[in-house]
N, C-alpha and C. Protein backbone atom coordinates (compact mmCIF):
# COMPACT_ATOMS: atom_id res chain seq x y z
N MET A 1 13.53 3.73 12.20
CA MET A 1 12.65 3.34 13.27
C MET A 1 12.34 1.86 13.12
N SER A 2 12.44 1.09 14.15
CA SER A 2 12.15 -0.33 14.06
C SER A 2 10.68 -0.58 14.34
N MET A 3 10.17 -1.62 13.72
CA MET A 3 8.78 -1.97 13.91
C MET A 3 8.64 -2.74 15.21
N GLY A 4 7.48 -2.62 15.84
CA GLY A 4 7.19 -3.37 17.05
C GLY A 4 6.98 -4.84 16.74
N THR A 5 6.93 -5.65 17.76
CA THR A 5 6.78 -7.09 17.59
C THR A 5 5.53 -7.45 16.82
N ALA A 6 4.41 -6.85 17.13
CA ALA A 6 3.16 -7.19 16.44
C ALA A 6 3.28 -6.91 14.94
N ALA A 7 3.87 -5.77 14.60
CA ALA A 7 4.04 -5.44 13.19
C ALA A 7 5.00 -6.40 12.52
N ASN A 8 6.09 -6.75 13.18
CA ASN A 8 7.03 -7.72 12.61
C ASN A 8 6.35 -9.06 12.40
N ASP A 9 5.56 -9.51 13.36
CA ASP A 9 4.85 -10.78 13.24
C ASP A 9 3.88 -10.74 12.07
N ALA A 10 3.16 -9.65 11.90
CA ALA A 10 2.20 -9.53 10.81
C ALA A 10 2.91 -9.57 9.46
N LEU A 11 4.02 -8.86 9.32
CA LEU A 11 4.72 -8.80 8.04
C LEU A 11 5.44 -10.10 7.72
N SER A 12 5.73 -10.93 8.71
CA SER A 12 6.42 -12.18 8.43
C SER A 12 5.57 -13.11 7.57
N ASP A 13 4.26 -12.92 7.55
CA ASP A 13 3.37 -13.73 6.74
C ASP A 13 3.33 -13.28 5.27
N PHE A 14 3.91 -12.17 4.96
CA PHE A 14 3.81 -11.59 3.62
C PHE A 14 5.01 -12.01 2.79
N SER A 15 4.92 -13.20 2.19
CA SER A 15 6.03 -13.74 1.44
C SER A 15 6.16 -13.11 0.06
N ASP A 16 5.06 -12.67 -0.55
CA ASP A 16 5.10 -12.08 -1.87
C ASP A 16 4.79 -10.60 -1.76
N LEU A 17 5.83 -9.78 -1.82
CA LEU A 17 5.65 -8.34 -1.64
C LEU A 17 5.73 -7.59 -2.97
N THR A 18 5.66 -8.30 -4.08
CA THR A 18 5.74 -7.65 -5.37
C THR A 18 4.37 -7.58 -6.01
N VAL A 19 4.25 -6.69 -6.97
CA VAL A 19 2.99 -6.48 -7.67
C VAL A 19 3.05 -7.24 -9.00
N SER A 20 2.01 -7.93 -9.32
CA SER A 20 1.94 -8.71 -10.55
C SER A 20 2.20 -7.83 -11.77
N GLY A 21 2.98 -8.36 -12.70
CA GLY A 21 3.24 -7.65 -13.94
C GLY A 21 4.51 -6.83 -13.94
N GLY A 22 5.17 -6.68 -12.83
CA GLY A 22 6.39 -5.88 -12.78
C GLY A 22 7.61 -6.69 -12.41
N GLU A 23 7.58 -7.99 -12.73
CA GLU A 23 8.66 -8.88 -12.31
C GLU A 23 10.03 -8.45 -12.82
N HIS A 24 10.07 -7.77 -13.96
CA HIS A 24 11.34 -7.33 -14.54
C HIS A 24 11.90 -6.07 -13.86
N LEU A 25 11.13 -5.45 -13.01
CA LEU A 25 11.53 -4.22 -12.33
C LEU A 25 12.12 -4.54 -10.96
N PRO A 26 12.97 -3.64 -10.43
CA PRO A 26 13.55 -3.89 -9.10
C PRO A 26 12.54 -3.66 -7.99
N GLN A 27 12.78 -4.29 -6.88
CA GLN A 27 12.02 -4.03 -5.65
C GLN A 27 12.84 -3.01 -4.87
N VAL A 28 12.28 -1.82 -4.69
CA VAL A 28 13.01 -0.69 -4.14
C VAL A 28 12.25 -0.12 -2.94
N PRO A 29 12.93 0.16 -1.83
CA PRO A 29 12.24 0.78 -0.69
C PRO A 29 11.66 2.14 -1.09
N TRP A 30 10.53 2.47 -0.48
CA TRP A 30 9.88 3.75 -0.74
C TRP A 30 10.46 4.80 0.20
N THR A 31 10.96 5.90 -0.38
CA THR A 31 11.51 7.00 0.40
C THR A 31 10.42 8.05 0.64
N ASP A 32 10.71 9.00 1.51
CA ASP A 32 9.77 10.11 1.73
C ASP A 32 9.48 10.83 0.42
N SER A 33 10.50 11.05 -0.39
CA SER A 33 10.34 11.73 -1.67
C SER A 33 9.44 10.93 -2.62
N ASP A 34 9.63 9.61 -2.65
CA ASP A 34 8.79 8.76 -3.49
C ASP A 34 7.33 8.83 -3.04
N LEU A 35 7.12 8.75 -1.74
CA LEU A 35 5.76 8.79 -1.20
C LEU A 35 5.11 10.14 -1.47
N ASP A 36 5.88 11.21 -1.37
CA ASP A 36 5.36 12.54 -1.66
C ASP A 36 4.94 12.64 -3.12
N ALA A 37 5.77 12.12 -4.03
CA ALA A 37 5.43 12.13 -5.46
C ALA A 37 4.17 11.31 -5.72
N LEU A 38 4.04 10.19 -5.04
CA LEU A 38 2.85 9.36 -5.20
C LEU A 38 1.60 10.09 -4.71
N ALA A 39 1.71 10.75 -3.58
CA ALA A 39 0.58 11.49 -3.02
C ALA A 39 0.14 12.65 -3.93
N ARG A 40 1.07 13.19 -4.70
CA ARG A 40 0.77 14.32 -5.58
C ARG A 40 0.48 13.92 -7.02
N TYR A 41 0.45 12.61 -7.30
CA TYR A 41 0.24 12.17 -8.67
C TYR A 41 -1.10 12.71 -9.18
N PRO A 42 -1.15 13.19 -10.44
CA PRO A 42 -2.34 13.90 -10.91
C PRO A 42 -3.58 13.07 -11.20
N TRP A 43 -3.51 11.75 -11.27
CA TRP A 43 -4.71 10.96 -11.53
C TRP A 43 -5.54 10.87 -10.27
N ARG A 44 -6.84 11.10 -10.41
CA ARG A 44 -7.74 11.05 -9.25
C ARG A 44 -7.64 9.71 -8.53
N SER A 45 -7.56 8.63 -9.29
CA SER A 45 -7.53 7.31 -8.67
C SER A 45 -6.28 7.11 -7.83
N ILE A 46 -5.26 7.90 -8.07
CA ILE A 46 -4.04 7.80 -7.27
C ILE A 46 -4.07 8.84 -6.16
N ASN A 47 -4.20 10.11 -6.51
CA ASN A 47 -4.03 11.14 -5.49
C ASN A 47 -5.20 11.25 -4.52
N GLN A 48 -6.33 10.65 -4.83
CA GLN A 48 -7.44 10.64 -3.87
C GLN A 48 -7.73 9.23 -3.37
N ASP A 49 -8.01 8.33 -4.30
CA ASP A 49 -8.41 6.99 -3.90
C ASP A 49 -7.26 6.20 -3.26
N ALA A 50 -6.09 6.19 -3.90
CA ALA A 50 -4.95 5.46 -3.33
C ALA A 50 -4.47 6.15 -2.06
N ALA A 51 -4.52 7.47 -2.05
CA ALA A 51 -4.10 8.20 -0.85
C ALA A 51 -5.01 7.85 0.32
N SER A 52 -6.31 7.77 0.10
CA SER A 52 -7.21 7.42 1.20
C SER A 52 -6.99 5.98 1.66
N LEU A 53 -6.66 5.10 0.73
CA LEU A 53 -6.34 3.72 1.08
C LEU A 53 -5.08 3.68 1.96
N LEU A 54 -4.04 4.39 1.55
CA LEU A 54 -2.81 4.45 2.35
C LEU A 54 -3.03 5.16 3.67
N ASP A 55 -3.88 6.19 3.67
CA ASP A 55 -4.23 6.87 4.92
C ASP A 55 -4.80 5.87 5.93
N GLU A 56 -5.72 5.04 5.45
CA GLU A 56 -6.38 4.07 6.33
C GLU A 56 -5.37 3.06 6.87
N LEU A 57 -4.52 2.53 6.02
CA LEU A 57 -3.51 1.57 6.48
C LEU A 57 -2.49 2.22 7.40
N ALA A 58 -2.17 3.50 7.16
CA ALA A 58 -1.17 4.20 7.97
C ALA A 58 -1.66 4.48 9.39
N ARG A 59 -2.96 4.53 9.57
CA ARG A 59 -3.50 4.77 10.92
C ARG A 59 -3.15 3.65 11.88
N GLU A 60 -2.99 2.43 11.36
CA GLU A 60 -2.69 1.27 12.19
C GLU A 60 -1.63 0.41 11.51
N PRO A 61 -0.38 0.88 11.50
CA PRO A 61 0.67 0.12 10.82
C PRO A 61 0.80 -1.28 11.40
N GLY A 62 1.03 -2.24 10.51
CA GLY A 62 1.18 -3.63 10.93
C GLY A 62 -0.12 -4.37 11.09
N VAL A 63 -1.25 -3.65 11.14
CA VAL A 63 -2.55 -4.30 11.23
C VAL A 63 -2.92 -4.79 9.83
N VAL A 64 -3.30 -6.04 9.74
CA VAL A 64 -3.63 -6.67 8.47
C VAL A 64 -5.13 -6.55 8.23
N LEU A 65 -5.50 -5.99 7.08
CA LEU A 65 -6.91 -5.84 6.71
C LEU A 65 -7.20 -6.61 5.43
N THR A 66 -8.27 -7.37 5.45
CA THR A 66 -8.69 -8.04 4.22
C THR A 66 -9.20 -6.99 3.24
N LEU A 67 -9.32 -7.39 1.98
CA LEU A 67 -9.87 -6.49 0.97
C LEU A 67 -11.25 -6.00 1.37
N GLU A 68 -12.07 -6.90 1.87
CA GLU A 68 -13.43 -6.53 2.26
C GLU A 68 -13.43 -5.56 3.44
N ALA A 69 -12.58 -5.81 4.43
CA ALA A 69 -12.50 -4.91 5.59
C ALA A 69 -12.00 -3.54 5.17
N LEU A 70 -11.02 -3.51 4.29
CA LEU A 70 -10.49 -2.24 3.82
C LEU A 70 -11.55 -1.49 3.02
N ALA A 71 -12.26 -2.20 2.17
CA ALA A 71 -13.33 -1.57 1.39
C ALA A 71 -14.41 -0.99 2.31
N THR A 72 -14.77 -1.73 3.34
CA THR A 72 -15.78 -1.25 4.29
C THR A 72 -15.29 0.01 4.99
N ARG A 73 -14.05 0.00 5.45
CA ARG A 73 -13.51 1.19 6.13
C ARG A 73 -13.46 2.40 5.22
N LEU A 74 -13.25 2.16 3.93
CA LEU A 74 -13.16 3.27 2.97
C LEU A 74 -14.53 3.66 2.41
N GLY A 75 -15.56 2.87 2.74
CA GLY A 75 -16.89 3.16 2.21
C GLY A 75 -16.97 2.92 0.72
N ARG A 76 -16.23 1.93 0.25
CA ARG A 76 -16.19 1.62 -1.18
C ARG A 76 -16.47 0.14 -1.38
N SER A 77 -16.68 -0.25 -2.61
CA SER A 77 -16.86 -1.67 -2.92
C SER A 77 -15.48 -2.34 -3.02
N SER A 78 -15.46 -3.64 -2.86
CA SER A 78 -14.21 -4.38 -3.05
C SER A 78 -13.67 -4.18 -4.46
N ALA A 79 -14.57 -4.16 -5.45
CA ALA A 79 -14.17 -3.94 -6.84
C ALA A 79 -13.54 -2.55 -7.01
N GLY A 80 -14.08 -1.56 -6.33
CA GLY A 80 -13.52 -0.22 -6.40
C GLY A 80 -12.11 -0.15 -5.82
N VAL A 81 -11.90 -0.84 -4.71
CA VAL A 81 -10.56 -0.88 -4.10
C VAL A 81 -9.60 -1.63 -5.01
N THR A 82 -10.07 -2.72 -5.60
CA THR A 82 -9.24 -3.48 -6.53
C THR A 82 -8.85 -2.61 -7.73
N GLY A 83 -9.76 -1.81 -8.22
CA GLY A 83 -9.45 -0.89 -9.31
C GLY A 83 -8.40 0.13 -8.92
N THR A 84 -8.51 0.64 -7.70
CA THR A 84 -7.51 1.59 -7.20
C THR A 84 -6.14 0.92 -7.13
N LEU A 85 -6.10 -0.31 -6.65
CA LEU A 85 -4.83 -1.04 -6.57
C LEU A 85 -4.25 -1.31 -7.95
N SER A 86 -5.11 -1.53 -8.93
CA SER A 86 -4.66 -1.73 -10.30
C SER A 86 -3.98 -0.46 -10.84
N MET A 87 -4.60 0.68 -10.58
CA MET A 87 -4.00 1.95 -11.00
C MET A 87 -2.70 2.22 -10.24
N LEU A 88 -2.68 1.86 -8.97
CA LEU A 88 -1.47 2.01 -8.18
C LEU A 88 -0.35 1.15 -8.76
N SER A 89 -0.69 -0.04 -9.25
CA SER A 89 0.30 -0.90 -9.90
C SER A 89 0.88 -0.22 -11.14
N ARG A 90 0.01 0.36 -11.94
CA ARG A 90 0.47 1.02 -13.16
C ARG A 90 1.44 2.16 -12.83
N VAL A 91 1.08 2.97 -11.86
CA VAL A 91 1.95 4.09 -11.48
C VAL A 91 3.25 3.57 -10.85
N THR A 92 3.14 2.53 -10.02
CA THR A 92 4.31 1.93 -9.39
C THR A 92 5.30 1.47 -10.46
N HIS A 93 4.79 0.83 -11.51
CA HIS A 93 5.65 0.31 -12.57
C HIS A 93 6.17 1.40 -13.48
N THR A 94 5.27 2.21 -14.03
CA THR A 94 5.66 3.15 -15.08
C THR A 94 6.30 4.42 -14.58
N VAL A 95 5.82 4.96 -13.48
CA VAL A 95 6.34 6.23 -12.98
C VAL A 95 7.50 6.03 -12.01
N HIS A 96 7.34 5.07 -11.11
CA HIS A 96 8.34 4.86 -10.07
C HIS A 96 9.35 3.77 -10.42
N GLY A 97 9.15 3.06 -11.52
CA GLY A 97 10.11 2.09 -12.00
C GLY A 97 10.45 0.98 -11.03
N ARG A 98 9.46 0.53 -10.30
CA ARG A 98 9.67 -0.53 -9.31
C ARG A 98 8.52 -1.52 -9.38
N ARG A 99 8.74 -2.69 -8.79
CA ARG A 99 7.70 -3.71 -8.81
C ARG A 99 6.88 -3.75 -7.53
N ASN A 100 7.29 -3.06 -6.50
CA ASN A 100 6.61 -3.15 -5.20
C ASN A 100 5.83 -1.88 -4.87
N TRP A 101 4.63 -2.12 -4.33
CA TRP A 101 3.83 -1.03 -3.78
C TRP A 101 4.47 -0.54 -2.47
N PRO A 102 4.03 0.61 -1.97
CA PRO A 102 4.48 1.02 -0.63
C PRO A 102 3.81 0.21 0.47
N LEU A 103 2.74 -0.50 0.14
CA LEU A 103 2.06 -1.36 1.10
C LEU A 103 2.42 -2.82 0.82
N HIS A 104 2.16 -3.67 1.79
CA HIS A 104 2.41 -5.10 1.65
C HIS A 104 1.08 -5.81 1.47
N TRP A 105 1.10 -6.89 0.72
CA TRP A 105 -0.11 -7.66 0.47
C TRP A 105 0.19 -9.14 0.48
N ARG A 106 -0.86 -9.92 0.67
CA ARG A 106 -0.73 -11.37 0.58
C ARG A 106 -2.05 -11.95 0.11
N GLU A 107 -1.95 -13.14 -0.43
CA GLU A 107 -3.13 -13.89 -0.83
C GLU A 107 -3.13 -15.19 -0.06
N GLN A 108 -4.22 -15.46 0.61
CA GLN A 108 -4.40 -16.72 1.32
C GLN A 108 -5.73 -17.30 0.85
N GLY A 109 -5.63 -18.38 0.09
CA GLY A 109 -6.85 -18.93 -0.49
C GLY A 109 -7.41 -17.95 -1.49
N ASN A 110 -8.64 -17.56 -1.31
CA ASN A 110 -9.29 -16.58 -2.19
C ASN A 110 -9.36 -15.20 -1.56
N GLU A 111 -8.59 -14.97 -0.50
CA GLU A 111 -8.68 -13.72 0.24
C GLU A 111 -7.37 -12.94 0.15
N TYR A 112 -7.49 -11.66 -0.17
CA TYR A 112 -6.33 -10.77 -0.21
C TYR A 112 -6.34 -9.91 1.05
N SER A 113 -5.14 -9.66 1.58
CA SER A 113 -4.99 -8.83 2.78
C SER A 113 -3.87 -7.83 2.55
N TYR A 114 -3.96 -6.71 3.27
CA TYR A 114 -3.03 -5.60 3.08
C TYR A 114 -2.60 -5.04 4.42
N THR A 115 -1.38 -4.50 4.44
CA THR A 115 -0.86 -3.83 5.63
C THR A 115 0.21 -2.84 5.21
N LEU A 116 0.58 -1.96 6.12
CA LEU A 116 1.62 -0.97 5.89
C LEU A 116 2.60 -1.09 7.03
N ASP A 117 3.89 -1.10 6.72
CA ASP A 117 4.86 -1.20 7.81
C ASP A 117 4.99 0.15 8.52
N GLU A 118 5.55 0.10 9.69
CA GLU A 118 5.59 1.27 10.56
C GLU A 118 6.39 2.43 9.97
N ALA A 119 7.51 2.13 9.32
CA ALA A 119 8.35 3.20 8.76
C ALA A 119 7.63 3.94 7.65
N VAL A 120 7.00 3.21 6.74
CA VAL A 120 6.26 3.86 5.64
C VAL A 120 5.04 4.58 6.20
N ALA A 121 4.38 3.97 7.17
CA ALA A 121 3.20 4.61 7.78
C ALA A 121 3.58 5.93 8.43
N LEU A 122 4.69 5.96 9.13
CA LEU A 122 5.14 7.19 9.78
C LEU A 122 5.42 8.28 8.73
N SER A 123 6.12 7.93 7.68
CA SER A 123 6.41 8.89 6.62
C SER A 123 5.12 9.38 5.95
N TRP A 124 4.23 8.44 5.66
CA TRP A 124 2.97 8.80 5.00
C TRP A 124 2.13 9.73 5.86
N ARG A 125 2.01 9.40 7.14
CA ARG A 125 1.22 10.26 8.05
C ARG A 125 1.83 11.65 8.12
N SER A 126 3.13 11.74 8.15
CA SER A 126 3.80 13.04 8.19
C SER A 126 3.52 13.84 6.92
N LEU A 127 3.65 13.20 5.77
CA LEU A 127 3.39 13.87 4.49
C LEU A 127 1.94 14.33 4.38
N ARG A 128 1.04 13.54 4.88
CA ARG A 128 -0.38 13.81 4.74
C ARG A 128 -0.96 14.60 5.90
N GLY A 129 -0.16 14.88 6.92
CA GLY A 129 -0.64 15.63 8.08
C GLY A 129 -1.67 14.87 8.90
N LEU A 130 -1.50 13.56 8.99
CA LEU A 130 -2.45 12.72 9.75
C LEU A 130 -2.03 12.58 11.20
């Protein structure tokens, strides 16, 4: 499935799609099977917190949300979301053997922003029954 123009425009700003600390690992596309394994991961911070984060991004693929906006939508603190992303990094590296999250991120100045592309969002919504 191809992404719409708005989603393509939003993702064109995301020059660094890798997660810090996994530079030695490959950047690998996320498959339905990978996403399903991630959704079922036994750590609460992954299977609940990261899943709710991905749920929120999947509702509006290509829409870019700052860390603060994402935290507000999730009813969590920015520090709590950052902690969830840290755990997601660990699982991404150690369990999935890749350097990239299923979501895209960027840093502009002191602000971090996140988005999910349409293909991953569609798969995630299907897996999660959204």
